[in-house]
Amino acid sequence: MARNEATVIAAGTRISGRLEGAEDVQVLGALQGTVHLEGALFIDTEARVDAECAVDSLEVHGILVGDVQASDTIELHPTARVVGDLAAPRVIVHEGARMRGLIDMGDMDAERAPTKGRSAAPARRPTASPARPASRPAPAPARPAPVAKAPEAPAAKAPPAPEPEDEKAKAAPRKKAAASKKAEA
C-alpha cells in the first residue's frame, strides 16, 4: 500500500459510522461501524477498528474486531489482535499474531475435478457469524466451609467396677491372713 497516497485517520481521532471510498485508508486512531473500500485498509499498531469490512486488501498491526471480506490479501502482523472471521483468497498470518475466528480462503471443492463416486456440485460455504465476545466458563459452585469439630471433653474417671461376688469370697480369706500377720508382728 502506498501510504503517502492514503487517507489517514490520525491517532487520537475516533470515527463512528460508515466509511466508503475508492482509495487506501490508514487508521492510526479508532474506527467503528462499517468499511467498504476499493483499496487497502491499514490498521496501525496503536489503532483499533471495530467494523465489518469489505476491502481489496487488509494489513493489521493493531486491533480488529469484526468480519472481513478482502478480494486480494489479508495480512496479520506479529502485533495484530483479531476477533472475527476473515475471507480472502490469500491470508498471511505472521508468528505472534493472535486471531479468534474462521479463515475462509475460497471454495476448494469447486477447484477440484470430480472423482468417481463424488458429485460435481460445489460445497456449501459456511456463512460468516458475527464476532462474539470471549466466553468464560461458569464459576465453580462454592464449596461449603469445613466445619470444625468441637474438642471432646475428657472422659470423667469412672469409679472402679464392683468386684463380683466370687471375687469377694476369695479376697476375704486373704484379708484375714494379712491382718493376722500384722497382729503377730
C-alpha atoms as a PDB file:
ATOM      1  CA  MET A   1       0.000   0.000   0.000  1.00  0.00           C
ATOM      2  CA  ALA A   2       1.350   3.386  -0.899  1.00  0.00           C
ATOM      3  CA  ARG A   3       0.929   5.082   2.460  1.00  0.00           C
ATOM      4  CA  ASN A   4       1.635   8.598   1.206  1.00  0.00           C
ATOM      5  CA  GLU A   5      -1.482   8.413  -1.044  1.00  0.00           C
ATOM      6  CA  ALA A   6      -3.775   7.057   1.678  1.00  0.00           C
ATOM      7  CA  THR A   7      -6.445   8.796   3.683  1.00  0.00           C
ATOM      8  CA  VAL A   8      -5.190   8.887   7.267  1.00  0.00           C
ATOM      9  CA  ILE A   9      -7.322   8.651  10.396  1.00  0.00           C
ATOM     10  CA  ALA A  10      -4.888  10.196  12.865  1.00  0.00           C
ATOM     11  CA  ALA A  11      -4.015   8.921  16.330  1.00  0.00           C
ATOM     12  CA  GLY A  12      -6.426  10.357  18.887  1.00  0.00           C
ATOM     13  CA  THR A  13      -9.202  10.573  16.261  1.00  0.00           C
ATOM     14  CA  ARG A  14     -12.295   8.400  16.657  1.00  0.00           C
ATOM     15  CA  ILE A  15     -14.691   7.889  13.744  1.00  0.00           C
ATOM     16  CA  SER A  16     -18.031   6.139  14.088  1.00  0.00           C
ATOM     17  CA  GLY A  17     -20.265   5.248  11.135  1.00  0.00           C
ATOM     18  CA  ARG A  18     -19.901   4.039   7.533  1.00  0.00           C
ATOM     19  CA  LEU A  19     -16.637   4.581   5.648  1.00  0.00           C
ATOM     20  CA  GLU A  20     -16.751   4.180   1.831  1.00  0.00           C
ATOM     21  CA  GLY A  21     -14.169   5.051  -0.782  1.00  0.00           C
ATOM     22  CA  ALA A  22     -12.002   4.120  -3.727  1.00  0.00           C
ATOM     23  CA  GLU A  23      -8.626   4.761  -2.114  1.00  0.00           C
ATOM     24  CA  ASP A  24      -6.438   3.337   0.621  1.00  0.00           C
ATOM     25  CA  VAL A  25      -7.140   4.190   4.266  1.00  0.00           C
ATOM     26  CA  GLN A  26      -4.588   4.177   7.066  1.00  0.00           C
ATOM     27  CA  VAL A  27      -6.037   4.007  10.596  1.00  0.00           C
ATOM     28  CA  LEU A  28      -3.841   5.350  13.396  1.00  0.00           C
ATOM     29  CA  GLY A  29      -6.756   6.146  15.735  1.00  0.00           C
ATOM     30  CA  ALA A  30     -10.119   4.379  16.181  1.00  0.00           C
ATOM     31  CA  LEU A  31     -12.816   3.433  13.692  1.00  0.00           C
ATOM     32  CA  GLN A  32     -16.210   1.903  14.481  1.00  0.00           C
ATOM     33  CA  GLY A  33     -19.008   0.882  12.091  1.00  0.00           C
ATOM     34  CA  THR A  34     -18.660  -0.469   8.536  1.00  0.00           C
ATOM     35  CA  VAL A  35     -15.873  -0.103   5.964  1.00  0.00           C
ATOM     36  CA  HIS A  36     -16.312  -0.568   2.170  1.00  0.00           C
ATOM     37  CA  LEU A  37     -13.165   0.284   0.188  1.00  0.00           C
ATOM     38  CA  GLU A  38     -11.955  -0.259  -3.347  1.00  0.00           C
ATOM     39  CA  GLY A  39      -8.489  -0.037  -1.895  1.00  0.00           C
ATOM     40  CA  ALA A  40      -6.437  -1.220   1.055  1.00  0.00           C
ATOM     41  CA  LEU A  41      -7.090  -0.802   4.774  1.00  0.00           C
ATOM     42  CA  PHE A  42      -4.033  -0.443   7.021  1.00  0.00           C
ATOM     43  CA  ILE A  43      -4.519  -0.731  10.810  1.00  0.00           C
ATOM     44  CA  ASP A  44      -1.551   0.673  12.750  1.00  0.00           C
ATOM     45  CA  THR A  45      -0.078  -0.857  15.920  1.00  0.00           C
ATOM     46  CA  GLU A  46      -1.860   1.584  18.258  1.00  0.00           C
ATOM     47  CA  ALA A  47      -5.116   1.644  16.235  1.00  0.00           C
ATOM     48  CA  ARG A  48      -8.404  -0.136  16.876  1.00  0.00           C
ATOM     49  CA  VAL A  49     -11.078  -0.944  14.292  1.00  0.00           C
ATOM     50  CA  ASP A  50     -14.465  -2.325  15.358  1.00  0.00           C
ATOM     51  CA  ALA A  51     -16.129  -2.824  11.968  1.00  0.00           C
ATOM     52  CA  GLU A  52     -17.443  -5.172   9.323  1.00  0.00           C
ATOM     53  CA  CYS A  53     -15.050  -4.645   6.385  1.00  0.00           C
ATOM     54  CA  ALA A  54     -15.157  -5.241   2.631  1.00  0.00           C
ATOM     55  CA  VAL A  55     -11.819  -4.183   1.114  1.00  0.00           C
ATOM     56  CA  ASP A  56      -9.324  -5.094  -1.612  1.00  0.00           C
ATOM     57  CA  SER A  57      -6.579  -5.840   0.915  1.00  0.00           C
ATOM     58  CA  LEU A  58      -6.068  -5.559   4.650  1.00  0.00           C
ATOM     59  CA  GLU A  59      -2.905  -5.170   6.715  1.00  0.00           C
ATOM     60  CA  VAL A  60      -3.343  -5.437  10.503  1.00  0.00           C
ATOM     61  CA  HIS A  61      -0.739  -4.363  13.056  1.00  0.00           C
ATOM     62  CA  GLY A  62      -3.214  -3.328  15.784  1.00  0.00           C
ATOM     63  CA  ILE A  63      -6.669  -4.471  16.941  1.00  0.00           C
ATOM     64  CA  LEU A  64      -9.511  -5.505  14.629  1.00  0.00           C
ATOM     65  CA  VAL A  65     -12.913  -6.694  15.848  1.00  0.00           C
ATOM     66  CA  GLY A  66     -15.285  -7.702  13.062  1.00  0.00           C
ATOM     67  CA  ASP A  67     -15.629  -9.843   9.958  1.00  0.00           C
ATOM     68  CA  VAL A  68     -13.559  -9.023   6.861  1.00  0.00           C
ATOM     69  CA  GLN A  69     -14.018  -9.860   3.180  1.00  0.00           C
ATOM     70  CA  ALA A  70     -10.972  -8.996   1.043  1.00  0.00           C
ATOM     71  CA  SER A  71     -10.758  -9.500  -2.705  1.00  0.00           C
ATOM     72  CA  ASP A  72      -6.954  -9.879  -2.608  1.00  0.00           C
ATOM     73  CA  THR A  73      -4.933 -10.337   0.623  1.00  0.00           C
ATOM     74  CA  ILE A  74      -5.297 -10.200   4.399  1.00  0.00           C
ATOM     75  CA  GLU A  75      -2.048  -9.951   6.363  1.00  0.00           C
ATOM     76  CA  LEU A  76      -1.809 -10.205  10.155  1.00  0.00           C
ATOM     77  CA  HIS A  77       1.493  -8.917  11.543  1.00  0.00           C
ATOM     78  CA  PRO A  78       3.049 -10.060  14.880  1.00  0.00           C
ATOM     79  CA  THR A  79       1.325  -7.285  16.880  1.00  0.00           C
ATOM     80  CA  ALA A  80      -2.128  -7.964  15.337  1.00  0.00           C
ATOM     81  CA  ARG A  81      -5.068  -8.940  17.552  1.00  0.00           C
ATOM     82  CA  VAL A  82      -8.156 -10.004  15.580  1.00  0.00           C
ATOM     83  CA  VAL A  83     -11.581 -11.253  16.647  1.00  0.00           C
ATOM     84  CA  GLY A  84     -13.775 -12.141  13.688  1.00  0.00           C
ATOM     85  CA  ASP A  85     -13.988 -14.185  10.512  1.00  0.00           C
ATOM     86  CA  LEU A  86     -11.610 -13.496   7.620  1.00  0.00           C
ATOM     87  CA  ALA A  87     -12.356 -14.328   3.968  1.00  0.00           C
ATOM     88  CA  ALA A  88      -9.779 -13.757   1.202  1.00  0.00           C
ATOM     89  CA  PRO A  89      -8.018 -15.788  -1.488  1.00  0.00           C
ATOM     90  CA  ARG A  90      -4.717 -15.193   0.327  1.00  0.00           C
ATOM     91  CA  VAL A  91      -4.308 -14.902   4.126  1.00  0.00           C
ATOM     92  CA  ILE A  92      -0.895 -14.373   5.729  1.00  0.00           C
ATOM     93  CA  VAL A  93      -0.537 -14.803   9.497  1.00  0.00           C
ATOM     94  CA  HIS A  94       2.869 -13.884  10.925  1.00  0.00           C
ATOM     95  CA  GLU A  95       4.234 -15.541  14.046  1.00  0.00           C
ATOM     96  CA  GLY A  96       2.967 -13.721  17.134  1.00  0.00           C
ATOM     97  CA  ALA A  97      -0.329 -12.553  15.608  1.00  0.00           C
ATOM     98  CA  ARG A  98      -3.411 -13.579  17.562  1.00  0.00           C
ATOM     99  CA  MET A  99      -6.737 -14.361  15.994  1.00  0.00           C
ATOM    100  CA  ARG A 100     -10.073 -15.838  17.099  1.00  0.00           C
ATOM    101  CA  GLY A 101     -12.457 -16.698  14.283  1.00  0.00           C
ATOM    102  CA  LEU A 102     -12.632 -18.547  10.986  1.00  0.00           C
ATOM    103  CA  ILE A 103     -10.433 -18.143   7.937  1.00  0.00           C
ATOM    104  CA  ASP A 104     -12.021 -18.797   4.539  1.00  0.00           C
ATOM    105  CA  MET A 105      -9.651 -18.867   1.563  1.00  0.00           C
ATOM    106  CA  GLY A 106     -12.135 -19.969  -1.078  1.00  0.00           C
ATOM    107  CA  ASP A 107     -14.181 -22.920  -2.194  1.00  0.00           C
ATOM    108  CA  MET A 108     -11.727 -25.811  -2.542  1.00  0.00           C
ATOM    109  CA  ASP A 109     -14.274 -28.305  -3.967  1.00  0.00           C
ATOM    110  CA  ALA A 110     -15.036 -26.043  -6.929  1.00  0.00           C
ATOM    111  CA  GLU A 111     -11.347 -26.047  -7.894  1.00  0.00           C
ATOM    112  CA  ARG A 112     -11.039 -29.863  -7.905  1.00  0.00           C
ATOM    113  CA  ALA A 113     -12.210 -32.117 -10.689  1.00  0.00           C
ATOM    114  CA  PRO A 114     -14.920 -34.534  -9.552  1.00  0.00           C
ATOM    115  CA  THR A 115     -13.666 -38.010  -8.704  1.00  0.00           C
ATOM    116  CA  LYS A 116     -15.504 -41.295  -9.156  1.00  0.00           C
ATOM    117  CA  GLY A 117     -18.412 -41.554  -6.738  1.00  0.00           C
ATOM    118  CA  ARG A 118     -18.410 -37.847  -5.862  1.00  0.00           C
ATOM    119  CA  SER A 119     -20.812 -35.257  -7.085  1.00  0.00           C
ATOM    120  CA  ALA A 120     -19.539 -32.239  -9.004  1.00  0.00           C
ATOM    121  CA  ALA A 121     -21.816 -29.916  -7.007  1.00  0.00           C
ATOM    122  CA  PRO A 122     -19.919 -27.179  -5.165  1.00  0.00           C
ATOM    123  CA  ALA A 123     -19.720 -27.466  -1.419  1.00  0.00           C
ATOM    124  CA  ARG A 124     -21.895 -25.239   0.695  1.00  0.00           C
ATOM    125  CA  ARG A 125     -19.909 -22.285   2.031  1.00  0.00           C
ATOM    126  CA  PRO A 126     -20.287 -21.528   5.703  1.00  0.00           C
ATOM    127  CA  THR A 127     -21.887 -18.202   6.429  1.00  0.00           C
ATOM    128  CA  ALA A 128     -19.906 -15.741   8.481  1.00  0.00           C
ATOM    129  CA  SER A 129     -21.147 -15.433  12.024  1.00  0.00           C
ATOM    130  CA  PRO A 130     -20.942 -12.149  13.907  1.00  0.00           C
ATOM    131  CA  ALA A 131     -17.984 -11.714  16.216  1.00  0.00           C
ATOM    132  CA  ARG A 132     -18.744 -12.904  19.699  1.00  0.00           C
ATOM    133  CA  PRO A 133     -17.145 -11.733  22.930  1.00  0.00           C
ATOM    134  CA  ALA A 134     -14.885 -14.178  24.676  1.00  0.00           C
ATOM    135  CA  SER A 135     -16.850 -16.638  26.741  1.00  0.00           C
ATOM    136  CA  ARG A 136     -15.613 -17.756  30.072  1.00  0.00           C
ATOM    137  CA  PRO A 137     -16.537 -20.946  31.867  1.00  0.00           C
ATOM    138  CA  ALA A 138     -19.081 -20.607  34.628  1.00  0.00           C
ATOM    139  CA  PRO A 139     -17.522 -20.248  38.068  1.00  0.00           C
ATOM    140  CA  ALA A 140     -17.367 -23.406  40.130  1.00  0.00           C
ATOM    141  CA  PRO A 141     -20.046 -23.644  42.820  1.00  0.00           C
ATOM    142  CA  ALA A 142     -18.900 -22.541  46.237  1.00  0.00           C
ATOM    143  CA  ARG A 143     -17.809 -25.337  48.490  1.00  0.00           C
ATOM    144  CA  PRO A 144     -19.298 -25.427  51.978  1.00  0.00           C
ATOM    145  CA  ALA A 145     -16.896 -24.220  54.613  1.00  0.00           C
ATOM    146  CA  PRO A 146     -15.327 -27.031  56.593  1.00  0.00           C
ATOM    147  CA  VAL A 147     -16.984 -27.459  59.966  1.00  0.00           C
ATOM    148  CA  ALA A 148     -14.526 -27.619  62.835  1.00  0.00           C
ATOM    149  CA  LYS A 149     -15.261 -30.378  65.320  1.00  0.00           C
ATOM    150  CA  ALA A 150     -15.646 -29.297  68.916  1.00  0.00           C
ATOM    151  CA  PRO A 151     -12.954 -30.767  71.113  1.00  0.00           C
ATOM    152  CA  GLU A 152     -14.235 -33.696  73.070  1.00  0.00           C
ATOM    153  CA  ALA A 153     -14.376 -33.225  76.854  1.00  0.00           C
ATOM    154  CA  PRO A 154     -12.065 -35.560  78.702  1.00  0.00           C
ATOM    155  CA  ALA A 155     -13.965 -38.537  79.979  1.00  0.00           C
ATOM    156  CA  ALA A 156     -14.562 -38.487  83.724  1.00  0.00           C
ATOM    157  CA  LYS A 157     -12.887 -41.332  85.556  1.00  0.00           C
ATOM    158  CA  ALA A 158     -15.427 -43.916  86.324  1.00  0.00           C
ATOM    159  CA  PRO A 159     -15.397 -45.471  89.792  1.00  0.00           C
ATOM    160  CA  PRO A 160     -13.888 -48.922  89.857  1.00  0.00           C
ATOM    161  CA  ALA A 161     -16.376 -51.582  88.970  1.00  0.00           C
ATOM    162  CA  PRO A 162     -17.631 -53.582  91.951  1.00  0.00           C
ATOM    163  CA  GLU A 163     -15.999 -56.937  92.316  1.00  0.00           C
ATOM    164  CA  PRO A 164     -18.213 -59.873  91.520  1.00  0.00           C
ATOM    165  CA  GLU A 165     -19.434 -61.956  94.418  1.00  0.00           C
ATOM    166  CA  ASP A 166     -16.986 -64.783  93.674  1.00  0.00           C
ATOM    167  CA  GLU A 167     -14.053 -62.389  93.836  1.00  0.00           C
ATOM    168  CA  LYS A 168     -15.230 -61.019  97.218  1.00  0.00           C
ATOM    169  CA  ALA A 169     -15.340 -64.501  98.649  1.00  0.00           C
ATOM    170  CA  LYS A 170     -11.771 -65.242  97.548  1.00  0.00           C
ATOM    171  CA  ALA A 171     -10.486 -61.891  98.831  1.00  0.00           C
ATOM    172  CA  ALA A 172     -11.943 -62.305 102.362  1.00  0.00           C
ATOM    173  CA  PRO A 173      -9.548 -65.123 103.499  1.00  0.00           C
ATOM    174  CA  ARG A 174      -6.575 -63.193 102.098  1.00  0.00           C
ATOM    175  CA  LYS A 175      -7.546 -60.126 104.079  1.00  0.00           C
ATOM    176  CA  LYS A 176      -7.805 -62.183 107.278  1.00  0.00           C
ATOM    177  CA  ALA A 177      -4.358 -63.693 106.730  1.00  0.00           C
ATOM    178  CA  ALA A 178      -2.852 -60.281 106.123  1.00  0.00           C
ATOM    179  CA  ALA A 179      -4.476 -58.913 109.285  1.00  0.00           C
ATOM    180  CA  SER A 180      -3.193 -61.801 111.399  1.00  0.00           C
ATOM    181  CA  LYS A 181       0.374 -61.291 110.120  1.00  0.00           C
ATOM    182  CA  LYS A 182       0.181 -57.654 111.148  1.00  0.00           C
ATOM    183  CA  ALA A 183      -1.002 -58.627 114.637  1.00  0.00           C
ATOM    184  CA  GLU A 184       1.904 -61.052 115.074  1.00  0.00           C
ATOM    185  CA  ALA A 185       4.456 -58.501 114.150  1.00  0.00           C
END
